[in-house]
Amino acid sequence: MADPRGFLKYDRAVPARRPVDLRIQDWNEVYNEFPTEALQQQAARCMDCGIPFCSSGCPLGNLVPDWNDLIYRNSWRAAIDRLHATNNFPEFTGRLCPAPCEASCVLGINNDAVTIKRIEVEIIDRAWDEGWVVPVPPALATGKTVAIVGSGPAGLAAAQQLTRAGHRVTVFERDDRAGGLLRYGIPNFKMEKRFLDRRLSQLEAEGTEFRLNTEIGVDIAADRLTADFDAVVLAGGAAQWRDLPIPGRHLNGIHQAMEYLPMANRVQQGDIQEPEISAAGKRVVIIGGGDTGADCLGTAHRQGAASVHQFEILPRPPDERAAATPWPTWPLQHRVSSAHEEGGDREFAISTVRFVDDGNGNVAGLDTHRVEQAVRDGGVVFDQVDGTDEHFAADLVFLAMGFTGPEKSLMLDQFGVSLTDRGNVARDDRWATNVAGVFVAGDMGRGQSLIVWAIAEGRAAAAAVDAYLMGSTDLPAPVMPADQPLR
């Protein structure tokens, strides 16, 4: 296994981020290049642990020790083959996944985990540079047709797998470009869209067809889809955003994160000159301390916000793994993203009571108080801390509090699929809904989750669809039940 003593000889290292004062002047990715020798040293840290918990910690079951060993031995071509064996889009996960594999790394029990995520992205970037990533068209056509609704990571993974199995696959996307949240939710500084575009070109060259600006249930009725295709995969994501219905919510200047982020991406695509919603020169408050909130934070920095506060209702996590989340579980601990490095103030254990009017129908600030988390009557509650009332001035407020499930749309009504008590599309252990021939993958059935889960579910659903159409399947799929709980 690589260098048997590598974990004793080398410390964990990751690429340096570009200086803050430089990177906030552009929308390019934030990391500097990482020398090959340094990367091979990081791969050498992968120890002979016996049981690779990193692979089980990854929803895709990535063969992490295999490609770490191959990189250490300078076998890059073999490494990308091992990586692609379980992951259709490692350049996406390597940039966007929070890396549950690293949280499960055995070395992480009493040391810094192997830099799995960085090694993954370096392998795939090298593979593209060398010309090793090429279209893989099917050897035979089955004559079967599959419609996939949604072109996010789950839909794209299912599409690629089913196309390569020989089925004629059509992906329907209501936006003007394919990619879902990868396109319009993720800022360029986290993943430049050229990485997405080259994958879409590969899928098209393999035979996948994309129909854009097409909303199922509006432009095409659901029954038309079930009549025209042998199987349908619903992969529309969990796009129903969580709102904050408190006094003053109606004021101008209060926006959902997904009303704001797509505009910044459209500027980078060249669609528009200036976004309708801009943080330039404004006092910004972001309500929500997760990844979407950090995306708003980095975007506001690049637009020249005067100040930014980011609110989180939960208490500040500890700097090290909390005792309540021992290895190999996903650790509760304080994390600092590249956007947090760039500025802004983070406020923990804070709750917004009302939005304040400037007298002309515009937001002028927020009234807040601090809270203490408690468990009562079987649930988590947040009790107000007396004497902590505070006002924050704001010209612009973004709500980044996550998503509650798939949008309640004409499409779901027309298909007649059953929903869970959480509002997700219900499915069995074969990824099938209650409607014959209609399957579901990704956040639409799972609820808001990680990109690595979306790709894993897309692959698993594709294998289920192939078996439904052909009686059996040779498509590989992650071994996981459809109702496996969120990490």
Protein backbone atom coordinates (compact mmCIF):
# COMPACT_ATOMS: atom_id res chain seq x y z
CA MET A 1 0.00 0.00 0.00
CA ALA A 2 1.96 2.99 -1.33
CA ASP A 3 4.74 3.74 1.17
CA PRO A 4 4.10 1.63 4.30
CA ARG A 5 5.66 4.37 6.42
CA GLY A 6 4.36 7.33 4.44
CA PHE A 7 1.93 8.40 7.14
CA LEU A 8 4.86 8.65 9.54
CA LYS A 9 7.08 10.62 7.16
CA TYR A 10 4.69 13.18 5.69
CA ASP A 11 2.24 15.63 7.21
CA ARG A 12 -1.09 16.41 5.63
CA ALA A 13 -0.85 19.20 3.06
CA VAL A 14 -3.28 20.82 0.64
CA PRO A 15 -2.79 23.45 -2.08
CA ALA A 16 -2.51 27.02 -0.89
CA ARG A 17 -5.38 29.32 -1.71
CA ARG A 18 -4.66 32.40 -3.75
CA PRO A 19 -4.26 35.60 -1.68
CA VAL A 20 -7.62 37.02 -0.63
CA ASP A 21 -7.00 40.49 -2.04
CA LEU A 22 -6.34 38.94 -5.46
CA ARG A 23 -8.99 36.27 -5.66
CA ILE A 24 -11.92 38.49 -4.72
CA GLN A 25 -11.10 40.55 -7.81
CA ASP A 26 -12.11 37.67 -10.08
CA TRP A 27 -14.41 34.63 -10.17
CA ASN A 28 -11.80 31.97 -10.80
CA GLU A 29 -11.22 29.01 -8.52
CA VAL A 30 -9.33 29.87 -5.36
CA TYR A 31 -6.61 27.19 -5.22
CA ASN A 32 -3.05 27.37 -6.53
CA GLU A 33 -1.55 24.43 -8.40
CA PHE A 34 -0.23 21.51 -6.34
CA PRO A 35 3.14 19.99 -7.38
CA THR A 36 3.06 16.36 -8.47
CA GLU A 37 5.75 15.38 -5.97
CA ALA A 38 3.72 16.89 -3.12
CA LEU A 39 0.61 15.06 -4.29
CA GLN A 40 2.45 11.73 -4.40
CA GLN A 41 3.63 12.32 -0.85
CA GLN A 42 0.03 12.85 0.18
CA ALA A 43 -0.96 9.62 -1.56
CA ALA A 44 1.86 7.88 0.31
CA ARG A 45 0.14 8.77 3.61
CA CYS A 46 -2.59 6.21 2.80
CA MET A 47 -1.74 3.55 5.34
CA ASP A 48 -2.24 -0.22 5.22
CA CYS A 49 -5.28 0.04 7.48
CA GLY A 50 -6.75 -3.36 6.60
CA ILE A 51 -10.34 -2.17 6.29
CA PRO A 52 -10.69 0.97 4.12
CA PHE A 53 -13.41 2.83 5.98
CA CYS A 54 -12.92 5.67 3.49
CA SER A 55 -14.60 3.52 0.83
CA SER A 56 -17.60 2.75 3.02
CA GLY A 57 -17.75 6.37 4.17
CA CYS A 58 -18.11 7.41 0.52
CA PRO A 59 -21.65 6.88 -0.85
CA LEU A 60 -20.08 5.98 -4.19
CA GLY A 61 -17.80 3.37 -2.65
CA ASN A 62 -14.75 4.98 -4.25
CA LEU A 63 -11.70 2.69 -4.34
CA VAL A 64 -9.57 5.22 -2.48
CA PRO A 65 -6.62 3.03 -1.41
CA ASP A 66 -6.30 1.69 -4.96
CA TRP A 67 -5.86 5.05 -6.63
CA ASN A 68 -3.72 6.42 -3.81
CA ASP A 69 -1.29 3.56 -4.39
CA LEU A 70 -1.35 4.09 -8.16
CA ILE A 71 -0.58 7.82 -7.81
CA TYR A 72 2.29 7.08 -5.46
CA ARG A 73 3.66 4.73 -8.15
CA ASN A 74 3.07 7.32 -10.89
CA SER A 75 0.45 5.17 -12.65
CA TRP A 76 -1.93 7.98 -13.51
CA ARG A 77 -3.75 6.25 -16.36
CA ALA A 78 -4.62 3.29 -14.18
CA ALA A 79 -5.65 5.64 -11.39
CA ILE A 80 -8.28 7.42 -13.49
CA ASP A 81 -9.68 4.05 -14.58
CA ARG A 82 -10.14 3.05 -10.92
CA LEU A 83 -11.68 6.42 -10.12
CA HIS A 84 -14.11 6.31 -13.04
CA ALA A 85 -15.11 2.76 -12.08
CA THR A 86 -17.22 4.20 -9.24
CA ASN A 87 -17.63 7.91 -10.01
CA ASN A 88 -18.86 9.43 -13.26
CA PHE A 89 -17.81 12.97 -12.37
CA PRO A 90 -14.84 13.12 -9.97
CA GLU A 91 -14.07 16.71 -11.03
CA PHE A 92 -17.43 17.68 -9.49
CA THR A 93 -17.12 15.73 -6.26
CA GLY A 94 -13.42 16.60 -5.90
CA ARG A 95 -14.37 20.28 -5.85
CA LEU A 96 -17.76 20.28 -4.17
CA CYS A 97 -18.14 17.27 -1.90
CA PRO A 98 -17.43 17.87 1.83
CA ALA A 99 -15.49 14.58 1.80
CA PRO A 100 -17.16 12.09 4.17
CA CYS A 101 -14.39 9.75 3.01
CA GLU A 102 -11.82 11.84 4.84
CA ALA A 103 -13.97 11.86 7.97
CA SER A 104 -13.88 8.03 7.80
CA CYS A 105 -10.13 7.72 7.10
CA VAL A 106 -8.52 5.37 9.64
CA LEU A 107 -5.50 7.67 9.87
CA GLY A 108 -7.92 10.33 11.11
CA ILE A 109 -8.49 8.47 14.38
CA ASN A 110 -5.41 10.09 15.91
CA ASN A 111 -3.85 12.08 13.06
CA ASP A 112 -4.80 14.26 10.10
CA ALA A 113 -6.71 12.30 7.48
CA VAL A 114 -5.35 11.61 4.01
CA THR A 115 -6.12 14.43 1.53
CA ILE A 116 -8.42 12.16 -0.48
CA LYS A 117 -10.47 14.93 -2.04
CA ARG A 118 -7.45 16.76 -3.43
CA ILE A 119 -5.92 13.60 -4.84
CA GLU A 120 -9.22 12.81 -6.55
CA VAL A 121 -9.45 16.15 -8.33
CA GLU A 122 -5.79 16.05 -9.39
CA ILE A 123 -6.30 12.62 -10.96
CA ILE A 124 -9.25 13.70 -13.08
CA ASP A 125 -7.72 17.03 -14.08
CA ARG A 126 -4.56 15.21 -15.21
CA ALA A 127 -6.73 12.74 -17.14
CA TRP A 128 -8.49 15.54 -19.03
CA ASP A 129 -5.18 17.26 -19.76
CA GLU A 130 -3.70 14.03 -21.14
CA GLY A 131 -6.74 13.33 -23.32
CA TRP A 132 -7.67 10.13 -21.48
CA VAL A 133 -11.30 11.17 -20.91
CA VAL A 134 -13.13 10.43 -24.15
CA PRO A 135 -16.71 9.59 -25.13
CA VAL A 136 -17.68 5.97 -24.47
CA PRO A 137 -20.57 5.28 -26.85
CA PRO A 138 -22.55 2.06 -26.39
CA ALA A 139 -21.50 -1.00 -28.34
CA LEU A 140 -25.11 -2.02 -29.03
CA ALA A 141 -28.46 -0.25 -29.09
CA THR A 142 -31.25 -1.84 -27.05
CA GLY A 143 -34.08 0.03 -28.74
CA LYS A 144 -35.36 1.15 -25.33
CA THR A 145 -35.98 4.82 -24.52
CA VAL A 146 -35.55 6.63 -21.21
CA ALA A 147 -36.59 10.15 -20.22
CA ILE A 148 -34.71 11.83 -17.40
CA VAL A 149 -36.22 14.92 -15.82
CA GLY A 150 -33.51 17.19 -14.43
CA SER A 151 -29.89 17.67 -15.42
CA GLY A 152 -28.24 18.00 -12.04
CA PRO A 153 -25.64 15.48 -10.84
CA ALA A 154 -28.20 12.69 -10.24
CA GLY A 155 -29.80 13.12 -13.65
CA LEU A 156 -26.46 13.36 -15.44
CA ALA A 157 -25.09 10.25 -13.73
CA ALA A 158 -28.21 8.26 -14.58
CA ALA A 159 -28.12 9.54 -18.15
CA GLN A 160 -24.51 8.56 -18.73
CA GLN A 161 -24.96 5.09 -17.28
CA LEU A 162 -28.12 4.36 -19.23
CA THR A 163 -26.73 5.76 -22.49
CA ARG A 164 -23.65 3.58 -22.16
CA ALA A 165 -25.95 0.60 -21.56
CA GLY A 166 -27.37 1.17 -25.04
CA HIS A 167 -30.64 2.93 -24.27
CA ARG A 168 -31.72 6.10 -26.06
CA VAL A 169 -31.73 8.71 -23.30
CA THR A 170 -33.28 12.17 -23.39
CA VAL A 171 -32.67 14.63 -20.55
CA PHE A 172 -35.31 17.32 -20.04
CA GLU A 173 -34.19 20.56 -18.36
CA ARG A 174 -36.38 23.58 -17.70
CA ASP A 175 -33.44 26.01 -17.64
CA ASP A 176 -31.66 27.30 -20.73
CA ARG A 177 -28.51 25.32 -19.93
CA ALA A 178 -27.95 21.89 -18.44
CA GLY A 179 -26.36 21.32 -15.04
CA GLY A 180 -28.98 22.18 -12.44
CA LEU A 181 -27.42 23.64 -9.28
CA LEU A 182 -23.98 22.87 -10.73
CA ARG A 183 -24.76 25.51 -13.35
CA TYR A 184 -26.69 28.20 -11.53
CA GLY A 185 -26.28 27.46 -7.83
CA ILE A 186 -22.54 26.83 -7.44
CA PRO A 187 -20.42 29.98 -7.92
CA ASN A 188 -17.51 29.89 -10.34
CA PHE A 189 -14.98 30.36 -7.56
CA LYS A 190 -15.97 26.91 -6.28
CA MET A 191 -16.24 25.25 -9.69
CA GLU A 192 -15.63 26.94 -13.01
CA LYS A 193 -18.31 26.03 -15.52
CA ARG A 194 -15.80 24.81 -18.11
CA PHE A 195 -15.55 21.59 -16.09
CA LEU A 196 -19.29 21.09 -16.41
CA ASP A 197 -19.40 22.02 -20.09
CA ARG A 198 -16.78 19.48 -21.13
CA ARG A 199 -18.68 16.70 -19.36
CA LEU A 200 -21.90 17.71 -21.09
CA SER A 201 -20.07 17.57 -24.41
CA GLN A 202 -18.88 14.06 -23.56
CA LEU A 203 -22.44 12.94 -22.73
CA GLU A 204 -23.74 14.36 -26.00
CA ALA A 205 -20.97 12.64 -27.96
CA GLU A 206 -21.96 9.37 -26.31
CA GLY A 207 -25.54 9.80 -27.50
CA THR A 208 -27.42 11.50 -24.66
CA GLU A 209 -29.88 14.10 -25.96
CA PHE A 210 -30.64 17.28 -24.01
CA ARG A 211 -33.88 19.21 -24.39
CA LEU A 212 -33.53 22.57 -22.70
CA ASN A 213 -36.13 25.20 -21.83
CA THR A 214 -38.58 22.35 -21.38
CA GLU A 215 -40.59 22.04 -18.17
CA ILE A 216 -42.42 18.77 -17.70
CA GLY A 217 -45.99 19.41 -16.63
CA VAL A 218 -46.04 22.75 -18.46
CA ASP A 219 -44.39 22.40 -21.88
CA ILE A 220 -44.88 18.63 -22.04
CA ALA A 221 -47.52 16.77 -20.05
CA ALA A 222 -46.42 13.91 -17.83
CA ASP A 223 -48.64 11.38 -19.59
CA ARG A 224 -46.96 12.28 -22.87
CA LEU A 225 -43.63 11.35 -21.32
CA THR A 226 -44.85 7.99 -20.01
CA ALA A 227 -46.43 7.28 -23.41
CA ASP A 228 -43.36 8.18 -25.46
CA PHE A 229 -40.67 6.57 -23.28
CA ASP A 230 -40.20 3.10 -21.85
CA ALA A 231 -39.03 4.49 -18.50
CA VAL A 232 -38.84 7.84 -16.77
CA VAL A 233 -36.37 8.95 -14.08
CA LEU A 234 -37.34 11.94 -11.94
CA ALA A 235 -34.17 13.76 -10.90
CA GLY A 236 -35.37 17.31 -10.41
CA GLY A 237 -33.68 17.90 -7.05
CA ALA A 238 -35.02 19.47 -3.87
CA ALA A 239 -35.56 23.03 -5.02
CA GLN A 240 -38.27 24.10 -2.56
CA TRP A 241 -36.45 26.68 -0.46
CA ARG A 242 -37.14 27.21 3.22
CA ASP A 243 -38.64 30.62 3.99
CA LEU A 244 -38.64 32.82 7.11
CA PRO A 245 -42.22 34.03 7.70
CA ILE A 246 -41.61 36.74 10.29
CA PRO A 247 -42.78 40.38 10.41
CA GLY A 248 -41.26 42.43 7.58
CA ARG A 249 -40.63 39.49 5.25
CA HIS A 250 -42.42 41.39 2.46
CA LEU A 251 -39.89 44.24 2.40
CA ASN A 252 -37.80 45.00 -0.66
CA GLY A 253 -34.21 43.80 -0.40
CA ILE A 254 -34.98 40.40 1.13
CA HIS A 255 -34.24 37.55 -1.27
CA GLN A 256 -33.81 33.82 -1.31
CA ALA A 257 -30.24 32.67 -1.99
CA MET A 258 -31.39 30.96 -5.17
CA GLU A 259 -32.83 34.22 -6.43
CA TYR A 260 -29.40 35.78 -5.99
CA LEU A 261 -26.75 33.20 -6.91
CA PRO A 262 -28.01 32.36 -10.43
CA MET A 263 -27.73 36.02 -11.48
CA ALA A 264 -24.04 36.13 -10.59
CA ASN A 265 -23.47 32.98 -12.62
CA ARG A 266 -25.38 34.42 -15.57
CA VAL A 267 -23.05 37.43 -15.56
CA GLN A 268 -20.09 35.04 -15.78
CA GLN A 269 -21.82 33.17 -18.62
CA GLY A 270 -22.16 36.46 -20.51
CA ASP A 271 -25.96 36.40 -20.46
CA ILE A 272 -26.31 39.74 -18.66
CA GLN A 273 -24.04 42.68 -17.94
CA GLU A 274 -25.12 43.34 -14.36
CA PRO A 275 -27.22 41.30 -11.92
CA GLU A 276 -30.56 42.68 -10.81
CA ILE A 277 -29.57 41.85 -7.24
CA SER A 278 -26.09 43.08 -6.32
CA ALA A 279 -24.31 43.47 -2.99
CA ALA A 280 -22.10 46.30 -4.30
CA GLY A 281 -21.69 48.92 -1.57
CA LYS A 282 -24.41 47.40 0.60
CA ARG A 283 -24.64 46.12 4.14
CA VAL A 284 -25.50 42.44 3.72
CA VAL A 285 -26.92 39.90 6.17
CA ILE A 286 -27.04 36.22 5.24
CA ILE A 287 -29.39 34.05 7.30
CA GLY A 288 -28.07 30.49 7.19
CA GLY A 289 -24.63 29.18 8.08
CA GLY A 290 -24.27 26.33 5.60
CA ASP A 291 -22.67 25.96 2.19
CA THR A 292 -25.33 28.01 0.39
CA GLY A 293 -24.77 30.84 2.86
CA ALA A 294 -21.02 30.65 2.22
CA ASP A 295 -21.71 30.81 -1.53
CA CYS A 296 -23.68 34.02 -0.95
CA LEU A 297 -20.83 35.31 1.21
CA GLY A 298 -18.14 34.75 -1.43
CA THR A 299 -20.39 36.25 -4.10
CA ALA A 300 -21.07 39.35 -1.99
CA HIS A 301 -17.31 39.83 -1.44
CA ARG A 302 -16.69 39.76 -5.18
CA GLN A 303 -19.48 42.23 -5.82
CA GLY A 304 -17.97 44.69 -3.34
CA ALA A 305 -20.29 44.53 -0.34
CA ALA A 306 -19.69 47.19 2.31
CA SER A 307 -20.11 44.63 5.09
CA VAL A 308 -21.43 41.09 5.51
CA HIS A 309 -22.83 39.26 8.52
CA GLN A 310 -23.69 35.57 8.32
CA PHE A 311 -26.20 34.23 10.87
CA GLU A 312 -26.41 30.67 12.17
CA ILE A 313 -29.06 29.65 14.70
CA LEU A 314 -26.93 26.74 15.98
CA PRO A 315 -24.14 27.31 18.51
CA ARG A 316 -20.56 27.55 17.29
CA PRO A 317 -19.15 24.03 16.88
CA PRO A 318 -15.88 23.08 18.59
CA ASP A 319 -12.61 23.49 16.70
CA GLU A 320 -11.92 19.74 16.93
CA ARG A 321 -14.24 16.78 16.34
CA ALA A 322 -17.04 16.85 18.93
CA ALA A 323 -17.19 13.87 21.28
CA ALA A 324 -20.78 13.27 20.21
CA THR A 325 -19.61 12.51 16.64
CA PRO A 326 -16.73 10.05 17.04
CA TRP A 327 -14.79 8.51 14.16
CA PRO A 328 -15.90 7.36 11.59
CA THR A 329 -19.07 9.47 11.71
CA TRP A 330 -19.28 12.88 10.06
CA PRO A 331 -17.69 15.19 12.64
CA LEU A 332 -19.40 18.16 14.20
CA GLN A 333 -16.66 20.81 14.20
CA HIS A 334 -16.04 24.39 13.19
CA ARG A 335 -15.16 24.80 9.51
CA VAL A 336 -13.78 27.78 7.64
CA SER A 337 -14.46 27.92 3.90
CA SER A 338 -12.55 30.05 1.42
CA ALA A 339 -15.41 32.58 1.53
CA HIS A 340 -15.09 32.90 5.31
CA GLU A 341 -11.37 33.62 4.90
CA GLU A 342 -12.25 36.53 2.66
CA GLY A 343 -14.07 38.54 5.32
CA GLY A 344 -17.41 39.03 6.96
CA ASP A 345 -18.59 38.34 10.50
CA ARG A 346 -20.10 35.03 11.56
CA GLU A 347 -22.78 35.17 14.24
CA PHE A 348 -23.73 31.92 15.98
CA ALA A 349 -26.71 31.05 18.18
CA ILE A 350 -28.71 33.97 16.83
CA SER A 351 -32.33 34.21 15.73
CA THR A 352 -34.00 36.94 13.68
CA VAL A 353 -37.23 38.28 15.18
CA ARG A 354 -38.30 40.81 12.54
CA PHE A 355 -37.14 42.75 9.50
CA VAL A 356 -37.20 46.52 9.96
CA ASP A 357 -38.72 48.91 7.40
CA ASP A 358 -36.85 52.05 6.34
CA GLY A 359 -40.18 53.83 5.94
CA ASN A 360 -40.29 53.34 2.18
CA GLY A 361 -40.91 49.60 2.00
CA ASN A 362 -37.22 48.64 1.96
CA VAL A 363 -35.39 46.57 4.53
CA ALA A 364 -33.22 48.68 6.84
CA GLY A 365 -32.15 46.06 9.37
CA LEU A 366 -32.97 43.04 11.48
CA ASP A 367 -33.96 42.72 15.15
CA THR A 368 -32.41 39.65 16.73
CA HIS A 369 -31.68 37.88 19.98
CA ARG A 370 -29.34 35.11 21.02
CA VAL A 371 -30.65 31.60 21.66
CA GLU A 372 -29.74 28.49 23.61
CA GLN A 373 -30.34 25.09 22.07
CA ALA A 374 -32.31 22.57 24.10
CA VAL A 375 -34.12 19.28 23.63
CA ARG A 376 -37.71 19.31 24.83
CA ASP A 377 -40.74 17.16 24.07
CA GLY A 378 -38.66 14.97 21.80
CA GLY A 379 -37.43 17.82 19.60
CA VAL A 380 -34.82 20.54 19.39
CA VAL A 381 -35.91 24.01 20.48
CA PHE A 382 -34.13 27.35 20.66
CA ASP A 383 -34.83 29.36 23.81
CA GLN A 384 -34.31 33.11 23.85
CA VAL A 385 -31.51 34.36 26.05
CA ASP A 386 -32.77 37.32 28.07
CA GLY A 387 -31.00 40.63 27.59
CA THR A 388 -29.48 39.74 24.21
CA ASP A 389 -31.68 41.83 21.91
CA GLU A 390 -29.59 43.35 19.11
CA HIS A 391 -30.23 45.27 15.90
CA PHE A 392 -28.20 44.77 12.73
CA ALA A 393 -28.37 47.33 9.94
CA ALA A 394 -28.89 45.84 6.49
CA ASP A 395 -29.65 46.97 2.96
CA LEU A 396 -29.78 43.44 1.59
CA VAL A 397 -30.78 40.14 3.23
CA PHE A 398 -30.31 36.66 1.78
CA LEU A 399 -32.20 33.63 3.10
CA ALA A 400 -29.95 30.57 2.83
CA MET A 401 -31.70 28.16 5.17
CA GLY A 402 -31.74 25.08 3.01
CA PHE A 403 -34.45 23.28 1.07
CA THR A 404 -37.50 21.39 2.23
CA GLY A 405 -37.87 18.97 -0.69
CA PRO A 406 -38.96 18.94 -4.34
CA GLU A 407 -41.08 21.79 -5.61
CA LYS A 408 -44.78 21.05 -5.44
CA SER A 409 -45.31 21.24 -9.18
CA LEU A 410 -47.73 20.37 -11.93
CA MET A 411 -45.30 17.65 -12.93
CA LEU A 412 -45.65 15.72 -9.69
CA ASP A 413 -49.43 16.17 -9.75
CA GLN A 414 -49.66 14.92 -13.33
CA PHE A 415 -47.47 11.89 -12.73
CA GLY A 416 -49.51 11.05 -9.64
CA VAL A 417 -46.48 9.87 -7.66
CA SER A 418 -46.85 9.32 -3.93
CA LEU A 419 -44.98 11.55 -1.52
CA THR A 420 -43.42 10.79 1.85
CA ASP A 421 -44.47 12.58 5.01
CA ARG A 422 -41.49 14.89 4.39
CA GLY A 423 -42.75 15.80 0.93
CA ASN A 424 -40.18 13.80 -1.06
CA VAL A 425 -41.14 11.47 -3.89
CA ALA A 426 -41.62 8.03 -2.38
CA ARG A 427 -39.72 5.08 -3.84
CA ASP A 428 -39.04 1.43 -3.05
CA ASP A 429 -35.71 -0.34 -2.81
CA ARG A 430 -35.58 -0.52 -6.61
CA TRP A 431 -35.86 3.28 -6.91
CA ALA A 432 -39.36 2.86 -8.37
CA THR A 433 -42.29 5.14 -7.54
CA ASN A 434 -45.88 3.95 -7.25
CA VAL A 435 -46.32 4.72 -10.98
CA ALA A 436 -45.21 1.92 -13.29
CA GLY A 437 -42.06 2.75 -15.20
CA VAL A 438 -41.37 5.94 -13.24
CA PHE A 439 -38.28 6.03 -11.02
CA VAL A 440 -36.71 8.71 -8.84
CA ALA A 441 -33.10 9.53 -7.94
CA GLY A 442 -31.25 12.18 -5.99
CA ASP A 443 -32.65 14.92 -3.80
CA MET A 444 -36.14 14.65 -5.29
CA GLY A 445 -36.52 11.32 -3.49
CA ARG A 446 -33.93 11.71 -0.77
CA GLY A 447 -34.34 15.31 0.29
CA GLN A 448 -31.58 17.89 0.41
CA SER A 449 -28.24 16.10 0.53
CA LEU A 450 -24.69 16.00 -0.87
CA ILE A 451 -23.52 15.91 -4.47
CA VAL A 452 -21.83 12.58 -3.84
CA TRP A 453 -25.17 11.11 -2.76
CA ALA A 454 -26.83 12.52 -5.90
CA ILE A 455 -24.31 10.83 -8.20
CA ALA A 456 -24.50 7.60 -6.23
CA GLU A 457 -28.28 7.59 -6.44
CA GLY A 458 -28.17 8.37 -10.16
CA ARG A 459 -25.93 5.36 -10.74
CA ALA A 460 -28.05 3.09 -8.55
CA ALA A 461 -31.30 4.21 -10.19
CA ALA A 462 -29.77 3.67 -13.63
CA ALA A 463 -28.97 0.06 -12.76
CA ALA A 464 -32.55 -0.39 -11.52
CA VAL A 465 -33.99 1.09 -14.71
CA ASP A 466 -31.73 -1.10 -16.87
CA ALA A 467 -32.90 -4.18 -14.97
CA TYR A 468 -36.53 -3.07 -15.40
CA LEU A 469 -36.09 -2.66 -19.15
CA MET A 470 -33.90 -5.67 -19.87
CA GLY A 471 -34.69 -8.15 -17.09
CA SER A 472 -31.16 -7.92 -15.67
CA THR A 473 -28.31 -5.45 -15.58
CA ASP A 474 -24.54 -5.34 -15.76
CA LEU A 475 -24.39 -1.70 -14.70
CA PRO A 476 -22.39 -1.17 -11.53
CA ALA A 477 -24.17 0.64 -8.73
CA PRO A 478 -23.32 1.68 -5.19
CA VAL A 479 -24.64 -0.84 -2.68
CA MET A 480 -27.09 1.20 -0.64
CA PRO A 481 -30.80 1.11 0.14
CA ALA A 482 -32.97 3.84 -1.34
CA ASP A 483 -34.08 4.94 2.12
CA GLN A 484 -30.61 5.15 3.69
CA PRO A 485 -30.65 8.12 6.09
CA LEU A 486 -28.92 11.38 5.34
CA ARG A 487 -25.33 11.76 6.47
